[in-house]
N, C-alpha and C. Protein backbone atom coordinates (compact mmCIF):
# COMPACT_ATOMS: atom_id res chain seq x y z
N UNK A 1 127.50 104.05 199.01
CA UNK A 1 126.89 102.75 198.79
C UNK A 1 127.40 102.13 197.50
N UNK A 2 128.38 102.71 196.92
CA UNK A 2 128.88 102.21 195.65
C UNK A 2 129.95 101.15 195.89
N UNK A 3 130.12 100.32 194.92
CA UNK A 3 130.96 99.14 194.99
C UNK A 3 130.47 98.19 196.07
N UNK A 4 129.23 97.80 195.86
CA UNK A 4 128.58 96.82 196.72
C UNK A 4 129.19 95.45 196.57
N UNK A 5 129.84 95.19 195.43
CA UNK A 5 130.35 93.85 195.15
C UNK A 5 131.18 93.32 196.31
N UNK A 6 132.14 94.08 196.76
CA UNK A 6 133.03 93.61 197.82
C UNK A 6 132.26 93.38 199.11
N UNK A 7 131.46 94.35 199.54
CA UNK A 7 130.69 94.19 200.77
C UNK A 7 129.74 93.00 200.68
N UNK A 8 129.08 92.86 199.55
CA UNK A 8 128.11 91.78 199.40
C UNK A 8 128.77 90.41 199.37
N UNK A 9 129.88 90.29 198.66
CA UNK A 9 130.56 88.99 198.61
C UNK A 9 131.15 88.62 199.97
N UNK A 10 131.70 89.58 200.68
CA UNK A 10 132.25 89.29 202.01
C UNK A 10 131.13 88.86 202.96
N UNK A 11 130.02 89.58 202.95
CA UNK A 11 128.89 89.20 203.81
C UNK A 11 128.38 87.80 203.51
N UNK A 12 128.24 87.48 202.24
CA UNK A 12 127.78 86.16 201.84
C UNK A 12 128.81 85.08 202.19
N UNK A 13 130.08 85.39 202.00
CA UNK A 13 131.13 84.41 202.32
C UNK A 13 131.13 84.08 203.80
N UNK A 14 131.02 85.09 204.63
CA UNK A 14 130.99 84.85 206.08
C UNK A 14 129.75 84.03 206.44
N UNK A 15 128.59 84.42 205.91
CA UNK A 15 127.35 83.70 206.21
C UNK A 15 127.40 82.26 205.73
N UNK A 16 128.17 81.99 204.68
CA UNK A 16 128.24 80.64 204.14
C UNK A 16 129.04 79.69 205.04
N UNK A 17 129.82 80.25 205.94
CA UNK A 17 130.72 79.40 206.75
C UNK A 17 130.34 79.33 208.23
N UNK A 18 129.29 80.00 208.64
CA UNK A 18 128.90 79.97 210.05
C UNK A 18 127.47 79.48 210.19
N UNK A 19 127.08 79.21 211.41
CA UNK A 19 125.72 78.81 211.71
C UNK A 19 124.75 79.90 211.21
N UNK A 20 123.65 79.51 210.59
CA UNK A 20 122.71 80.50 210.06
C UNK A 20 122.19 81.51 211.10
N UNK A 21 122.15 81.12 212.35
CA UNK A 21 121.73 82.06 213.39
C UNK A 21 122.71 83.23 213.50
N UNK A 22 123.98 82.96 213.26
CA UNK A 22 125.01 83.99 213.33
C UNK A 22 125.30 84.65 211.98
N UNK A 23 124.90 84.00 210.91
CA UNK A 23 125.27 84.46 209.58
C UNK A 23 124.84 85.88 209.25
N UNK A 24 123.58 86.21 209.48
CA UNK A 24 123.10 87.55 209.13
C UNK A 24 123.70 88.63 210.02
N UNK A 25 123.76 88.43 211.36
CA UNK A 25 124.43 89.46 212.18
C UNK A 25 125.90 89.64 211.80
N UNK A 26 126.59 88.55 211.51
CA UNK A 26 128.01 88.67 211.13
C UNK A 26 128.16 89.32 209.75
N UNK A 27 127.23 89.06 208.84
CA UNK A 27 127.27 89.72 207.54
C UNK A 27 127.11 91.23 207.73
N UNK A 28 126.22 91.63 208.64
CA UNK A 28 126.03 93.05 208.93
C UNK A 28 127.29 93.66 209.52
N UNK A 29 127.88 93.01 210.50
CA UNK A 29 129.09 93.51 211.15
C UNK A 29 130.27 93.52 210.19
N UNK A 30 130.25 92.61 209.22
CA UNK A 30 131.35 92.56 208.25
C UNK A 30 131.48 93.87 207.50
N UNK A 31 130.39 94.58 207.34
CA UNK A 31 130.45 95.86 206.64
C UNK A 31 131.39 96.82 207.35
N UNK A 32 131.27 96.89 208.66
CA UNK A 32 132.10 97.81 209.45
C UNK A 32 133.56 97.34 209.46
N UNK A 33 133.76 96.02 209.55
CA UNK A 33 135.12 95.49 209.52
C UNK A 33 135.78 95.81 208.18
N UNK A 34 135.03 95.65 207.10
CA UNK A 34 135.58 95.93 205.77
C UNK A 34 135.84 97.43 205.59
N UNK A 35 134.99 98.25 206.17
CA UNK A 35 135.20 99.70 206.06
C UNK A 35 136.46 100.14 206.79
N UNK A 36 136.92 99.36 207.74
CA UNK A 36 138.16 99.69 208.45
C UNK A 36 139.39 99.36 207.61
N UNK A 37 139.18 98.62 206.53
CA UNK A 37 140.26 98.32 205.58
C UNK A 37 140.08 99.27 204.40
N UNK A 38 141.11 100.02 204.04
CA UNK A 38 140.94 100.94 202.90
C UNK A 38 140.50 100.18 201.65
N UNK A 39 139.42 100.61 201.05
CA UNK A 39 138.93 100.01 199.82
C UNK A 39 138.22 101.06 198.99
N UNK A 40 138.10 100.79 197.72
CA UNK A 40 137.50 101.73 196.79
C UNK A 40 135.99 101.65 196.88
N UNK A 41 135.34 102.78 197.03
CA UNK A 41 133.88 102.83 197.09
C UNK A 41 133.27 103.61 195.95
N UNK A 42 134.05 104.07 195.02
CA UNK A 42 133.50 104.76 193.86
C UNK A 42 132.94 106.13 194.18
N UNK A 43 131.96 106.54 193.39
CA UNK A 43 131.32 107.83 193.56
C UNK A 43 130.09 107.67 194.44
N UNK A 44 129.88 108.59 195.35
CA UNK A 44 128.68 108.57 196.17
C UNK A 44 127.63 109.46 195.52
N UNK A 45 126.46 108.91 195.22
CA UNK A 45 125.42 109.75 194.62
C UNK A 45 124.78 110.66 195.66
N UNK A 46 124.95 111.94 195.51
CA UNK A 46 124.34 112.94 196.38
C UNK A 46 123.56 113.91 195.53
N UNK A 47 122.64 114.60 196.17
CA UNK A 47 121.89 115.63 195.46
C UNK A 47 122.79 116.78 195.08
N UNK A 48 122.66 117.43 193.97
CA UNK A 48 121.79 117.02 192.87
C UNK A 48 122.38 115.78 192.19
N UNK A 49 121.54 114.83 191.89
CA UNK A 49 122.02 113.57 191.34
C UNK A 49 122.60 113.77 189.95
N UNK A 50 123.67 113.07 189.70
CA UNK A 50 124.30 113.10 188.39
C UNK A 50 124.23 111.69 187.82
N UNK A 51 124.29 111.59 186.52
CA UNK A 51 124.11 110.31 185.85
C UNK A 51 125.20 109.31 186.22
N UNK A 52 126.47 109.71 186.19
CA UNK A 52 127.56 108.76 186.41
C UNK A 52 127.47 108.05 187.77
N UNK A 53 127.33 108.76 188.89
CA UNK A 53 127.23 108.05 190.16
C UNK A 53 126.02 107.12 190.25
N UNK A 54 124.88 107.56 189.75
CA UNK A 54 123.69 106.70 189.79
C UNK A 54 123.84 105.49 188.89
N UNK A 55 124.44 105.69 187.71
CA UNK A 55 124.68 104.58 186.79
C UNK A 55 125.66 103.58 187.41
N UNK A 56 126.74 104.10 188.02
CA UNK A 56 127.71 103.22 188.66
C UNK A 56 127.07 102.44 189.80
N UNK A 57 126.25 103.08 190.59
CA UNK A 57 125.58 102.42 191.70
C UNK A 57 124.67 101.31 191.20
N UNK A 58 123.90 101.60 190.17
CA UNK A 58 122.96 100.61 189.63
C UNK A 58 123.70 99.43 189.00
N UNK A 59 124.68 99.71 188.19
CA UNK A 59 125.46 98.64 187.55
C UNK A 59 126.16 97.80 188.61
N UNK A 60 126.75 98.45 189.59
CA UNK A 60 127.47 97.73 190.64
C UNK A 60 126.55 96.82 191.42
N UNK A 61 125.37 97.31 191.78
CA UNK A 61 124.43 96.49 192.56
C UNK A 61 124.03 95.25 191.78
N UNK A 62 123.64 95.43 190.52
CA UNK A 62 123.21 94.27 189.72
C UNK A 62 124.38 93.36 189.36
N UNK A 63 125.56 93.93 189.20
CA UNK A 63 126.75 93.11 188.99
C UNK A 63 127.01 92.24 190.22
N UNK A 64 126.87 92.81 191.40
CA UNK A 64 127.08 92.04 192.63
C UNK A 64 126.07 90.90 192.73
N UNK A 65 124.80 91.19 192.44
CA UNK A 65 123.77 90.14 192.48
C UNK A 65 124.07 89.06 191.44
N UNK A 66 124.49 89.45 190.25
CA UNK A 66 124.82 88.50 189.20
C UNK A 66 125.99 87.60 189.60
N UNK A 67 127.08 88.21 190.08
CA UNK A 67 128.25 87.43 190.50
C UNK A 67 127.89 86.49 191.63
N UNK A 68 127.18 86.99 192.60
CA UNK A 68 126.78 86.16 193.73
C UNK A 68 125.88 85.01 193.29
N UNK A 69 124.96 85.28 192.38
CA UNK A 69 124.08 84.23 191.87
C UNK A 69 124.87 83.15 191.14
N UNK A 70 125.85 83.56 190.33
CA UNK A 70 126.68 82.58 189.62
C UNK A 70 127.53 81.76 190.59
N UNK A 71 128.09 82.42 191.60
CA UNK A 71 128.95 81.71 192.55
C UNK A 71 128.19 80.74 193.43
N UNK A 72 126.91 81.02 193.67
CA UNK A 72 126.13 80.18 194.57
C UNK A 72 125.10 79.32 193.84
N UNK A 73 125.18 79.30 192.51
CA UNK A 73 124.23 78.53 191.71
C UNK A 73 124.25 77.07 192.14
N UNK A 74 123.09 76.53 192.38
CA UNK A 74 122.97 75.12 192.73
C UNK A 74 123.13 74.84 194.22
N UNK A 75 123.51 75.83 194.99
CA UNK A 75 123.62 75.62 196.44
C UNK A 75 122.24 75.73 197.07
N UNK A 76 121.98 74.89 198.03
CA UNK A 76 120.68 74.90 198.69
C UNK A 76 120.40 76.17 199.47
N UNK A 77 121.45 76.89 199.81
CA UNK A 77 121.28 78.09 200.63
C UNK A 77 121.47 79.38 199.83
N UNK A 78 121.25 79.33 198.53
CA UNK A 78 121.50 80.49 197.68
C UNK A 78 120.67 81.71 198.11
N UNK A 79 119.40 81.51 198.40
CA UNK A 79 118.55 82.64 198.81
C UNK A 79 119.07 83.25 200.10
N UNK A 80 119.44 82.42 201.04
CA UNK A 80 119.99 82.90 202.32
C UNK A 80 121.27 83.71 202.09
N UNK A 81 122.13 83.26 201.19
CA UNK A 81 123.37 83.98 200.92
C UNK A 81 123.12 85.32 200.23
N UNK A 82 122.12 85.39 199.36
CA UNK A 82 121.77 86.66 198.75
C UNK A 82 121.21 87.61 199.82
N UNK A 83 120.40 87.10 200.73
CA UNK A 83 119.89 87.93 201.83
C UNK A 83 121.05 88.41 202.70
N UNK A 84 122.01 87.53 203.00
CA UNK A 84 123.18 87.93 203.79
C UNK A 84 123.97 89.03 203.06
N UNK A 85 124.07 88.91 201.75
CA UNK A 85 124.77 89.95 200.97
C UNK A 85 124.05 91.29 201.08
N UNK A 86 122.74 91.27 201.04
CA UNK A 86 121.97 92.51 201.17
C UNK A 86 122.09 93.09 202.58
N UNK A 87 122.12 92.22 203.57
CA UNK A 87 122.31 92.67 204.96
C UNK A 87 123.68 93.32 205.10
N UNK A 88 124.67 92.80 204.37
CA UNK A 88 126.03 93.33 204.45
C UNK A 88 126.13 94.76 203.92
N UNK A 89 125.22 95.17 203.05
CA UNK A 89 125.27 96.55 202.54
C UNK A 89 124.26 97.45 203.25
N UNK A 90 123.56 96.92 204.24
CA UNK A 90 122.55 97.70 204.96
C UNK A 90 123.09 99.01 205.54
N UNK A 91 124.32 99.03 206.11
CA UNK A 91 124.81 100.33 206.62
C UNK A 91 124.94 101.39 205.54
N UNK A 92 125.33 101.01 204.34
CA UNK A 92 125.42 101.98 203.25
C UNK A 92 124.04 102.42 202.77
N UNK A 93 123.09 101.50 202.77
CA UNK A 93 121.71 101.86 202.41
C UNK A 93 121.17 102.86 203.41
N UNK A 94 121.39 102.58 204.69
CA UNK A 94 120.93 103.49 205.74
C UNK A 94 121.59 104.85 205.61
N UNK A 95 122.88 104.85 205.33
CA UNK A 95 123.61 106.11 205.15
C UNK A 95 123.03 106.90 203.98
N UNK A 96 122.79 106.23 202.87
CA UNK A 96 122.23 106.90 201.70
C UNK A 96 120.84 107.46 201.97
N UNK A 97 120.01 106.70 202.69
CA UNK A 97 118.67 107.19 203.02
C UNK A 97 118.75 108.42 203.93
N UNK A 98 119.69 108.39 204.86
CA UNK A 98 119.84 109.52 205.77
C UNK A 98 120.37 110.75 205.03
N UNK A 99 121.44 110.57 204.26
CA UNK A 99 122.07 111.70 203.58
C UNK A 99 121.17 112.34 202.53
N UNK A 100 120.41 111.51 201.83
CA UNK A 100 119.63 112.03 200.71
C UNK A 100 118.17 112.35 201.05
N UNK A 101 117.63 111.68 202.08
CA UNK A 101 116.21 111.86 202.38
C UNK A 101 115.93 112.18 203.85
N UNK A 102 116.98 112.24 204.68
CA UNK A 102 116.79 112.54 206.09
C UNK A 102 116.17 111.39 206.87
N UNK A 103 116.16 110.20 206.30
CA UNK A 103 115.59 109.04 206.97
C UNK A 103 116.65 108.31 207.78
N UNK A 104 116.23 107.57 208.75
CA UNK A 104 117.15 106.73 209.52
C UNK A 104 117.89 107.45 210.62
N UNK A 105 117.33 108.55 211.12
CA UNK A 105 118.01 109.30 212.17
C UNK A 105 118.13 108.49 213.46
N UNK A 106 117.28 107.47 213.63
CA UNK A 106 117.36 106.66 214.85
C UNK A 106 118.65 105.84 214.87
N UNK A 107 119.28 105.72 213.72
CA UNK A 107 120.54 104.98 213.62
C UNK A 107 121.74 105.92 213.62
N UNK A 108 121.58 107.09 214.19
CA UNK A 108 122.64 108.10 214.14
C UNK A 108 123.96 107.59 214.72
N UNK A 109 123.91 106.86 215.84
CA UNK A 109 125.13 106.32 216.43
C UNK A 109 125.83 105.36 215.50
N UNK A 110 125.05 104.49 214.85
CA UNK A 110 125.63 103.54 213.91
C UNK A 110 126.23 104.29 212.72
N UNK A 111 125.54 105.33 212.27
CA UNK A 111 126.05 106.09 211.13
C UNK A 111 127.35 106.80 211.50
N UNK A 112 127.43 107.32 212.72
CA UNK A 112 128.65 107.99 213.16
C UNK A 112 129.80 106.99 213.23
N UNK A 113 129.55 105.80 213.76
CA UNK A 113 130.57 104.75 213.79
C UNK A 113 131.00 104.42 212.37
N UNK A 114 130.05 104.30 211.48
CA UNK A 114 130.31 103.97 210.09
C UNK A 114 131.27 104.99 209.47
N UNK A 115 131.06 106.26 209.74
CA UNK A 115 131.92 107.31 209.21
C UNK A 115 133.29 107.33 209.89
N UNK A 116 133.32 107.08 211.19
CA UNK A 116 134.57 107.19 211.95
C UNK A 116 135.58 106.09 211.64
N UNK A 117 135.11 104.90 211.30
CA UNK A 117 136.05 103.79 211.11
C UNK A 117 136.67 103.76 209.72
N UNK A 118 136.11 104.52 208.79
CA UNK A 118 136.64 104.49 207.43
C UNK A 118 137.95 105.26 207.37
N UNK A 119 138.96 104.57 206.90
CA UNK A 119 140.28 105.17 206.78
C UNK A 119 140.37 106.00 205.51
N UNK A 120 141.24 106.99 205.49
CA UNK A 120 141.41 107.79 204.26
C UNK A 120 141.85 106.89 203.09
N UNK A 121 141.29 107.16 201.95
CA UNK A 121 141.60 106.36 200.77
C UNK A 121 142.81 106.92 200.05
N UNK A 122 143.71 106.03 199.74
CA UNK A 122 144.91 106.43 199.03
C UNK A 122 145.18 105.40 197.91
N UNK A 123 145.00 105.85 196.65
CA UNK A 123 145.35 104.93 195.57
C UNK A 123 146.85 104.74 195.53
N UNK A 124 147.39 103.67 195.09
CA UNK A 124 146.70 102.48 194.57
C UNK A 124 146.39 101.45 195.65
N UNK A 125 146.73 101.76 196.91
CA UNK A 125 146.53 100.79 198.00
C UNK A 125 145.09 100.30 198.05
N UNK A 126 144.11 101.20 197.96
CA UNK A 126 142.74 100.74 198.12
C UNK A 126 142.27 99.89 196.94
N UNK A 127 142.87 100.05 195.77
CA UNK A 127 142.53 99.16 194.66
C UNK A 127 143.04 97.75 194.97
N UNK A 128 144.25 97.66 195.49
CA UNK A 128 144.85 96.36 195.83
C UNK A 128 144.05 95.68 196.92
N UNK A 129 143.72 96.41 197.99
CA UNK A 129 142.98 95.79 199.09
C UNK A 129 141.57 95.39 198.65
N UNK A 130 140.96 96.16 197.75
CA UNK A 130 139.63 95.81 197.25
C UNK A 130 139.69 94.51 196.44
N UNK A 131 140.67 94.40 195.58
CA UNK A 131 140.81 93.19 194.75
C UNK A 131 141.11 91.97 195.62
N UNK A 132 142.03 92.12 196.57
CA UNK A 132 142.38 91.00 197.44
C UNK A 132 141.18 90.56 198.26
N UNK A 133 140.46 91.51 198.85
CA UNK A 133 139.30 91.19 199.67
C UNK A 133 138.22 90.50 198.85
N UNK A 134 137.97 91.00 197.66
CA UNK A 134 136.94 90.41 196.80
C UNK A 134 137.33 89.00 196.37
N UNK A 135 138.57 88.81 195.97
CA UNK A 135 139.02 87.46 195.56
C UNK A 135 138.99 86.48 196.73
N UNK A 136 139.35 86.95 197.91
CA UNK A 136 139.29 86.10 199.11
C UNK A 136 137.85 85.69 199.40
N UNK A 137 136.93 86.62 199.28
CA UNK A 137 135.52 86.30 199.51
C UNK A 137 135.01 85.28 198.49
N UNK A 138 135.40 85.44 197.23
CA UNK A 138 135.01 84.48 196.19
C UNK A 138 135.58 83.10 196.50
N UNK A 139 136.83 83.05 196.92
CA UNK A 139 137.45 81.76 197.26
C UNK A 139 136.70 81.10 198.41
N UNK A 140 136.35 81.87 199.43
CA UNK A 140 135.61 81.32 200.57
C UNK A 140 134.25 80.79 200.14
N UNK A 141 133.57 81.54 199.28
CA UNK A 141 132.26 81.09 198.80
C UNK A 141 132.37 79.79 198.00
N UNK A 142 133.45 79.62 197.27
CA UNK A 142 133.60 78.45 196.40
C UNK A 142 134.17 77.22 197.10
N UNK A 143 134.68 77.37 198.32
CA UNK A 143 135.25 76.21 199.02
C UNK A 143 134.30 75.64 200.04
């Protein structure tokens, strides 16, 4: 669930350009599409919890909310775009709840899909694709 910035900005960007009825479902699906593109996800916090992964997760989440708030400041649909961003990270939230607390077993098929579509990460490619994807999402939000 780390590096929410890219997932959140892509979800919000997609939701900003489509009919609101489709925005939230497409923001959710965007997570899986983005996972099929190699990108950096940082450290995954697993038990026993360590400070660095939890700190990175917390900073990343609030950084994503801050960036999204700045990019959408003054837009009439800012709340909707923040909700779309949160919907875009829902698969990672579900995965974290399942892995760490055994919750969300009813979504086992979705979780299996989530794991199967992720390509192996190979630096520096995933840094480049993460930066390009994030900048593209910012551009879409601003136009």
